[in-house]
Amino acid sequence: MDYNELLSRHDVRPTSVRVLIYKVMQEYHNTFSLSDLEAALDSVDKSSIFRTLNVFVEHHLLHKIEGGDGVTQYCLCHNAHVCDVEELHCHFYCERCRKTFCLDKIHIPVVKCPDGFELHQVDYLLKGLCPACSAKA
């Protein structure tokens, strides 16, 4: 994958730090947090990672999710365009292992807002036990 071209396509200047952070984010199959990236990128300071995450969210490379434990989570956006509300997917927070999973195949139900309201983002978080934790119960 040409990360420089991908970032440029989203109007993000492909600095070496941004490319490195994006490469590491590719390794996560579900959501990840700022702390996860800090642990994986010990050579990059926290403020650089935080600023990069914000740039990636603004330029639609990442989705920002409020996790079930109050920690902000992120997941990669796999669309080459700004996602419509209808394209957003649900997330599941496991109350035992405290992981947040992307439920890519389950889309957020469309809610019609009253006239005058302009919808920009919808967060849909399900809580319970993931398959691994429910098998242990």
N, C-alpha and C. Protein backbone atom coordinates (compact mmCIF):
# COMPACT_ATOMS: atom_id res chain seq x y z
N MET A 1 0.85 -1.18 0.00
CA MET A 1 0.00 0.00 0.00
C MET A 1 0.89 1.25 0.00
N ASP A 2 0.53 2.20 -0.82
CA ASP A 2 1.28 3.46 -0.88
C ASP A 2 0.62 4.44 0.10
N TYR A 3 1.17 4.53 1.31
CA TYR A 3 0.60 5.38 2.35
C TYR A 3 0.69 6.86 1.99
N ASN A 4 1.75 7.27 1.32
CA ASN A 4 1.88 8.67 0.91
C ASN A 4 0.73 9.07 0.00
N GLU A 5 0.43 8.19 -0.96
CA GLU A 5 -0.65 8.48 -1.90
C GLU A 5 -2.01 8.47 -1.20
N LEU A 6 -2.21 7.51 -0.29
CA LEU A 6 -3.47 7.43 0.45
C LEU A 6 -3.70 8.70 1.27
N LEU A 7 -2.71 9.13 2.01
CA LEU A 7 -2.86 10.34 2.81
C LEU A 7 -3.07 11.56 1.92
N SER A 8 -2.33 11.65 0.84
CA SER A 8 -2.48 12.78 -0.09
C SER A 8 -3.88 12.84 -0.68
N ARG A 9 -4.44 11.66 -0.99
CA ARG A 9 -5.80 11.60 -1.54
C ARG A 9 -6.83 12.18 -0.58
N HIS A 10 -6.53 12.13 0.71
CA HIS A 10 -7.42 12.68 1.73
C HIS A 10 -6.99 14.08 2.17
N ASP A 11 -6.15 14.71 1.37
CA ASP A 11 -5.65 16.06 1.65
C ASP A 11 -4.89 16.14 2.97
N VAL A 12 -4.14 15.09 3.30
CA VAL A 12 -3.29 15.06 4.49
C VAL A 12 -1.85 15.01 4.01
N ARG A 13 -1.04 15.95 4.48
CA ARG A 13 0.37 15.96 4.11
C ARG A 13 1.04 14.72 4.72
N PRO A 14 1.65 13.87 3.89
CA PRO A 14 2.21 12.61 4.38
C PRO A 14 3.60 12.77 5.01
N THR A 15 3.64 13.24 6.24
CA THR A 15 4.91 13.33 6.95
C THR A 15 5.34 11.94 7.39
N SER A 16 6.58 11.79 7.76
CA SER A 16 7.08 10.47 8.18
C SER A 16 6.35 9.98 9.43
N VAL A 17 6.02 10.88 10.36
CA VAL A 17 5.30 10.48 11.57
C VAL A 17 3.89 10.04 11.23
N ARG A 18 3.20 10.75 10.38
CA ARG A 18 1.84 10.38 10.00
C ARG A 18 1.81 9.04 9.29
N VAL A 19 2.76 8.80 8.41
CA VAL A 19 2.83 7.52 7.71
C VAL A 19 3.10 6.40 8.70
N LEU A 20 4.01 6.61 9.64
CA LEU A 20 4.31 5.60 10.65
C LEU A 20 3.08 5.28 11.49
N ILE A 21 2.37 6.31 11.93
CA ILE A 21 1.16 6.11 12.74
C ILE A 21 0.10 5.37 11.94
N TYR A 22 -0.09 5.72 10.68
CA TYR A 22 -1.09 5.04 9.86
C TYR A 22 -0.74 3.56 9.68
N LYS A 23 0.54 3.27 9.47
CA LYS A 23 0.98 1.87 9.33
C LYS A 23 0.63 1.07 10.58
N VAL A 24 0.88 1.63 11.75
CA VAL A 24 0.58 0.93 13.00
C VAL A 24 -0.92 0.75 13.16
N MET A 25 -1.71 1.76 12.78
CA MET A 25 -3.17 1.65 12.89
C MET A 25 -3.70 0.52 12.02
N GLN A 26 -3.04 0.21 10.92
CA GLN A 26 -3.46 -0.86 10.02
C GLN A 26 -3.43 -2.23 10.71
N GLU A 27 -2.63 -2.36 11.77
CA GLU A 27 -2.49 -3.63 12.46
C GLU A 27 -3.67 -3.96 13.38
N TYR A 28 -4.49 -2.95 13.70
CA TYR A 28 -5.64 -3.17 14.57
C TYR A 28 -6.84 -3.63 13.74
N HIS A 29 -7.46 -4.72 14.17
CA HIS A 29 -8.61 -5.24 13.43
C HIS A 29 -9.92 -4.69 13.98
N ASN A 30 -9.88 -4.16 15.18
CA ASN A 30 -11.05 -3.53 15.78
C ASN A 30 -10.66 -2.11 16.17
N THR A 31 -11.20 -1.64 17.26
CA THR A 31 -10.90 -0.27 17.67
C THR A 31 -9.57 -0.22 18.42
N PHE A 32 -9.05 0.99 18.55
CA PHE A 32 -7.82 1.22 19.30
C PHE A 32 -7.91 2.61 19.93
N SER A 33 -7.08 2.84 20.94
CA SER A 33 -7.10 4.11 21.65
C SER A 33 -5.77 4.83 21.50
N LEU A 34 -5.72 6.04 21.97
CA LEU A 34 -4.48 6.80 22.02
C LEU A 34 -3.43 6.02 22.81
N SER A 35 -3.83 5.42 23.93
CA SER A 35 -2.90 4.64 24.77
C SER A 35 -2.34 3.44 24.01
N ASP A 36 -3.18 2.79 23.21
CA ASP A 36 -2.70 1.66 22.41
C ASP A 36 -1.60 2.11 21.46
N LEU A 37 -1.82 3.25 20.80
CA LEU A 37 -0.81 3.75 19.87
C LEU A 37 0.45 4.21 20.60
N GLU A 38 0.28 4.82 21.77
CA GLU A 38 1.45 5.22 22.56
C GLU A 38 2.33 4.02 22.88
N ALA A 39 1.71 2.92 23.27
CA ALA A 39 2.46 1.70 23.61
C ALA A 39 3.17 1.13 22.39
N ALA A 40 2.53 1.20 21.23
CA ALA A 40 3.10 0.65 20.01
C ALA A 40 4.15 1.56 19.38
N LEU A 41 4.06 2.86 19.69
CA LEU A 41 4.95 3.85 19.08
C LEU A 41 5.75 4.58 20.16
N ASP A 42 6.60 3.86 20.86
CA ASP A 42 7.31 4.48 21.98
C ASP A 42 8.28 5.57 21.55
N SER A 43 8.61 5.65 20.25
CA SER A 43 9.52 6.69 19.77
C SER A 43 8.80 7.98 19.38
N VAL A 44 7.45 7.96 19.41
CA VAL A 44 6.66 9.14 19.02
C VAL A 44 5.97 9.68 20.26
N ASP A 45 6.07 11.00 20.47
CA ASP A 45 5.46 11.57 21.68
C ASP A 45 3.94 11.61 21.58
N LYS A 46 3.32 11.60 22.76
CA LYS A 46 1.86 11.52 22.87
C LYS A 46 1.16 12.65 22.13
N SER A 47 1.69 13.87 22.23
CA SER A 47 1.03 15.01 21.59
C SER A 47 1.04 14.87 20.07
N SER A 48 2.10 14.32 19.49
CA SER A 48 2.15 14.11 18.04
C SER A 48 1.12 13.07 17.61
N ILE A 49 0.99 12.01 18.39
CA ILE A 49 -0.01 10.98 18.09
C ILE A 49 -1.41 11.58 18.19
N PHE A 50 -1.67 12.33 19.25
CA PHE A 50 -2.98 12.94 19.46
C PHE A 50 -3.34 13.89 18.31
N ARG A 51 -2.40 14.75 17.93
CA ARG A 51 -2.64 15.69 16.83
C ARG A 51 -2.90 14.93 15.52
N THR A 52 -2.15 13.87 15.29
CA THR A 52 -2.33 13.08 14.06
C THR A 52 -3.69 12.41 14.05
N LEU A 53 -4.12 11.86 15.18
CA LEU A 53 -5.45 11.26 15.25
C LEU A 53 -6.53 12.28 14.89
N ASN A 54 -6.40 13.49 15.42
CA ASN A 54 -7.39 14.54 15.12
C ASN A 54 -7.39 14.89 13.64
N VAL A 55 -6.21 14.97 13.03
CA VAL A 55 -6.13 15.26 11.59
C VAL A 55 -6.78 14.13 10.80
N PHE A 56 -6.51 12.89 11.18
CA PHE A 56 -7.09 11.74 10.47
C PHE A 56 -8.62 11.71 10.62
N VAL A 57 -9.13 12.08 11.78
CA VAL A 57 -10.58 12.14 11.97
C VAL A 57 -11.18 13.24 11.09
N GLU A 58 -10.56 14.42 11.11
CA GLU A 58 -11.05 15.55 10.31
C GLU A 58 -11.06 15.25 8.82
N HIS A 59 -10.11 14.43 8.37
CA HIS A 59 -9.99 14.13 6.94
C HIS A 59 -10.56 12.76 6.58
N HIS A 60 -11.37 12.22 7.48
CA HIS A 60 -12.16 11.01 7.22
C HIS A 60 -11.33 9.76 6.94
N LEU A 61 -10.20 9.66 7.62
CA LEU A 61 -9.41 8.43 7.58
C LEU A 61 -9.75 7.54 8.77
N LEU A 62 -10.31 8.16 9.81
CA LEU A 62 -10.68 7.46 11.04
C LEU A 62 -12.08 7.84 11.46
N HIS A 63 -12.72 6.91 12.18
CA HIS A 63 -13.96 7.20 12.88
C HIS A 63 -13.61 7.29 14.36
N LYS A 64 -14.20 8.22 15.05
CA LYS A 64 -13.98 8.42 16.48
C LYS A 64 -15.21 7.91 17.21
N ILE A 65 -14.98 7.03 18.20
CA ILE A 65 -16.08 6.40 18.93
C ILE A 65 -15.89 6.64 20.41
N GLU A 66 -16.96 6.97 21.09
CA GLU A 66 -16.90 7.06 22.55
C GLU A 66 -17.11 5.65 23.08
N GLY A 67 -16.05 5.06 23.61
CA GLY A 67 -16.09 3.68 24.08
C GLY A 67 -16.95 3.51 25.31
N GLY A 68 -17.29 2.29 25.62
CA GLY A 68 -18.16 1.98 26.75
C GLY A 68 -17.53 2.28 28.09
N ASP A 69 -16.21 2.43 28.13
CA ASP A 69 -15.52 2.72 29.38
C ASP A 69 -15.14 4.19 29.52
N GLY A 70 -15.64 5.03 28.63
CA GLY A 70 -15.36 6.46 28.68
C GLY A 70 -14.09 6.86 27.95
N VAL A 71 -13.34 5.90 27.42
CA VAL A 71 -12.11 6.18 26.68
C VAL A 71 -12.45 6.31 25.21
N THR A 72 -11.95 7.35 24.57
CA THR A 72 -12.19 7.53 23.14
C THR A 72 -11.46 6.44 22.37
N GLN A 73 -12.19 5.82 21.46
CA GLN A 73 -11.65 4.77 20.60
C GLN A 73 -11.69 5.26 19.15
N TYR A 74 -10.89 4.65 18.32
CA TYR A 74 -10.83 4.99 16.91
C TYR A 74 -10.89 3.70 16.10
N CYS A 75 -11.41 3.81 14.88
CA CYS A 75 -11.33 2.70 13.93
C CYS A 75 -11.11 3.27 12.54
N LEU A 76 -10.43 2.51 11.73
CA LEU A 76 -10.13 2.96 10.37
C LEU A 76 -11.39 3.08 9.54
N CYS A 77 -11.45 4.09 8.73
CA CYS A 77 -12.53 4.25 7.75
C CYS A 77 -12.04 3.60 6.46
N HIS A 78 -12.84 2.72 5.90
CA HIS A 78 -12.44 2.01 4.69
C HIS A 78 -13.08 2.57 3.44
N ASN A 79 -13.70 3.74 3.55
CA ASN A 79 -14.29 4.39 2.39
C ASN A 79 -13.35 5.48 1.89
N ALA A 80 -13.40 5.74 0.62
CA ALA A 80 -12.55 6.78 0.03
C ALA A 80 -13.27 8.12 0.01
N HIS A 81 -14.36 8.23 0.74
CA HIS A 81 -15.15 9.47 0.74
C HIS A 81 -15.66 9.73 2.16
N VAL A 82 -16.26 10.87 2.36
CA VAL A 82 -16.89 11.18 3.64
C VAL A 82 -18.08 10.25 3.82
N CYS A 83 -18.10 9.55 4.94
CA CYS A 83 -19.17 8.58 5.19
C CYS A 83 -20.49 9.29 5.47
N ASP A 84 -21.53 8.82 4.82
CA ASP A 84 -22.88 9.26 5.16
C ASP A 84 -23.27 8.54 6.45
N VAL A 85 -24.23 9.06 7.16
CA VAL A 85 -24.71 8.44 8.39
C VAL A 85 -25.14 7.00 8.12
N GLU A 86 -25.73 6.75 6.95
CA GLU A 86 -26.21 5.42 6.60
C GLU A 86 -25.09 4.40 6.46
N GLU A 87 -23.86 4.87 6.28
CA GLU A 87 -22.71 3.96 6.10
C GLU A 87 -22.02 3.61 7.42
N LEU A 88 -22.34 4.29 8.49
CA LEU A 88 -21.68 4.05 9.76
C LEU A 88 -22.13 2.73 10.36
N HIS A 89 -21.22 2.06 11.08
CA HIS A 89 -21.54 0.76 11.65
C HIS A 89 -21.59 0.83 13.18
N CYS A 90 -22.16 -0.21 13.77
CA CYS A 90 -22.29 -0.31 15.23
C CYS A 90 -21.00 -0.82 15.86
N HIS A 91 -20.90 -0.61 17.15
CA HIS A 91 -19.77 -1.12 17.93
C HIS A 91 -20.30 -1.84 19.16
N PHE A 92 -19.51 -2.79 19.65
CA PHE A 92 -19.90 -3.60 20.80
C PHE A 92 -18.80 -3.49 21.86
N TYR A 93 -19.20 -3.12 23.08
CA TYR A 93 -18.27 -3.01 24.20
C TYR A 93 -18.47 -4.19 25.14
N CYS A 94 -17.42 -4.96 25.37
CA CYS A 94 -17.50 -6.10 26.29
C CYS A 94 -17.23 -5.59 27.71
N GLU A 95 -18.19 -5.81 28.57
CA GLU A 95 -18.09 -5.32 29.94
C GLU A 95 -17.08 -6.11 30.77
N ARG A 96 -16.67 -7.26 30.31
CA ARG A 96 -15.70 -8.05 31.07
C ARG A 96 -14.26 -7.76 30.61
N CYS A 97 -13.95 -7.95 29.32
CA CYS A 97 -12.58 -7.74 28.85
C CYS A 97 -12.30 -6.29 28.46
N ARG A 98 -13.35 -5.47 28.42
CA ARG A 98 -13.25 -4.03 28.16
C ARG A 98 -12.73 -3.69 26.76
N LYS A 99 -12.95 -4.58 25.80
CA LYS A 99 -12.59 -4.31 24.41
C LYS A 99 -13.81 -3.79 23.68
N THR A 100 -13.58 -2.93 22.69
CA THR A 100 -14.65 -2.44 21.83
C THR A 100 -14.42 -3.03 20.45
N PHE A 101 -15.45 -3.69 19.92
CA PHE A 101 -15.37 -4.38 18.64
C PHE A 101 -16.18 -3.64 17.58
N CYS A 102 -15.66 -3.61 16.36
CA CYS A 102 -16.40 -3.08 15.23
C CYS A 102 -17.35 -4.15 14.72
N LEU A 103 -18.60 -3.81 14.57
CA LEU A 103 -19.60 -4.70 13.97
C LEU A 103 -19.88 -4.16 12.56
N ASP A 104 -18.91 -4.38 11.68
CA ASP A 104 -18.93 -3.79 10.34
C ASP A 104 -20.18 -4.09 9.53
N LYS A 105 -20.77 -5.25 9.76
CA LYS A 105 -21.92 -5.66 8.95
C LYS A 105 -23.25 -5.15 9.51
N ILE A 106 -23.20 -4.53 10.69
CA ILE A 106 -24.44 -4.03 11.30
C ILE A 106 -24.41 -2.50 11.23
N HIS A 107 -25.22 -1.96 10.36
CA HIS A 107 -25.24 -0.51 10.17
C HIS A 107 -26.15 0.16 11.20
N ILE A 108 -25.84 1.38 11.49
CA ILE A 108 -26.62 2.17 12.43
C ILE A 108 -27.98 2.48 11.80
N PRO A 109 -29.06 2.24 12.53
CA PRO A 109 -30.39 2.56 11.98
C PRO A 109 -30.49 4.06 11.68
N VAL A 110 -31.10 4.37 10.57
CA VAL A 110 -31.27 5.77 10.18
C VAL A 110 -32.40 6.39 11.00
N VAL A 111 -32.11 7.52 11.60
CA VAL A 111 -33.08 8.26 12.40
C VAL A 111 -33.38 9.57 11.69
N LYS A 112 -34.64 9.83 11.43
CA LYS A 112 -35.00 11.09 10.79
C LYS A 112 -35.13 12.16 11.86
N CYS A 113 -34.31 13.18 11.73
CA CYS A 113 -34.34 14.28 12.69
C CYS A 113 -35.46 15.25 12.32
N PRO A 114 -35.96 15.97 13.32
CA PRO A 114 -36.98 17.00 13.02
C PRO A 114 -36.42 18.06 12.10
N ASP A 115 -37.30 18.76 11.40
CA ASP A 115 -36.89 19.83 10.50
C ASP A 115 -36.01 20.83 11.24
N GLY A 116 -34.96 21.28 10.55
CA GLY A 116 -34.06 22.26 11.12
C GLY A 116 -32.81 21.66 11.75
N PHE A 117 -32.85 20.38 12.09
CA PHE A 117 -31.69 19.71 12.66
C PHE A 117 -30.82 19.16 11.54
N GLU A 118 -29.51 19.28 11.69
CA GLU A 118 -28.57 18.76 10.70
C GLU A 118 -27.70 17.70 11.38
N LEU A 119 -27.83 16.45 10.99
CA LEU A 119 -27.12 15.33 11.61
C LEU A 119 -25.74 15.16 11.00
N HIS A 120 -24.70 15.10 11.85
CA HIS A 120 -23.33 14.91 11.38
C HIS A 120 -22.73 13.58 11.82
N GLN A 121 -23.11 13.09 12.97
CA GLN A 121 -22.52 11.86 13.49
C GLN A 121 -23.52 11.13 14.37
N VAL A 122 -23.42 9.81 14.33
CA VAL A 122 -24.24 8.97 15.18
C VAL A 122 -23.33 7.92 15.80
N ASP A 123 -23.40 7.74 17.10
CA ASP A 123 -22.65 6.68 17.78
C ASP A 123 -23.66 5.66 18.28
N TYR A 124 -23.42 4.41 17.97
CA TYR A 124 -24.32 3.34 18.37
C TYR A 124 -23.47 2.27 19.02
N LEU A 125 -23.56 2.17 20.34
CA LEU A 125 -22.72 1.25 21.10
C LEU A 125 -23.58 0.24 21.83
N LEU A 126 -23.32 -1.02 21.58
CA LEU A 126 -23.98 -2.12 22.26
C LEU A 126 -23.07 -2.58 23.39
N LYS A 127 -23.62 -2.97 24.53
CA LYS A 127 -22.81 -3.42 25.67
C LYS A 127 -23.26 -4.80 26.12
N GLY A 128 -22.30 -5.61 26.54
CA GLY A 128 -22.59 -6.95 27.02
C GLY A 128 -21.31 -7.73 27.12
N LEU A 129 -21.35 -9.01 26.76
CA LEU A 129 -20.19 -9.88 26.80
C LEU A 129 -19.85 -10.34 25.37
N CYS A 130 -18.58 -10.27 25.01
CA CYS A 130 -18.14 -10.76 23.71
C CYS A 130 -18.18 -12.29 23.72
N PRO A 131 -18.05 -12.94 22.57
CA PRO A 131 -18.12 -14.40 22.52
C PRO A 131 -17.11 -15.09 23.45
N ALA A 132 -15.89 -14.61 23.51
CA ALA A 132 -14.86 -15.23 24.35
C ALA A 132 -15.23 -15.12 25.82
N CYS A 133 -15.72 -13.96 26.24
CA CYS A 133 -16.08 -13.76 27.65
C CYS A 133 -17.37 -14.49 28.02
N SER A 134 -18.32 -14.53 27.10
CA SER A 134 -19.58 -15.23 27.41
C SER A 134 -19.35 -16.74 27.49
N ALA A 135 -18.37 -17.27 26.77
CA ALA A 135 -18.05 -18.69 26.83
C ALA A 135 -17.44 -19.05 28.19
N LYS A 136 -16.73 -18.09 28.81
CA LYS A 136 -16.11 -18.31 30.12
C LYS A 136 -17.11 -18.23 31.25
N ALA A 137 -18.24 -17.54 31.01
CA ALA A 137 -19.22 -17.30 32.07
C ALA A 137 -20.01 -18.54 32.43
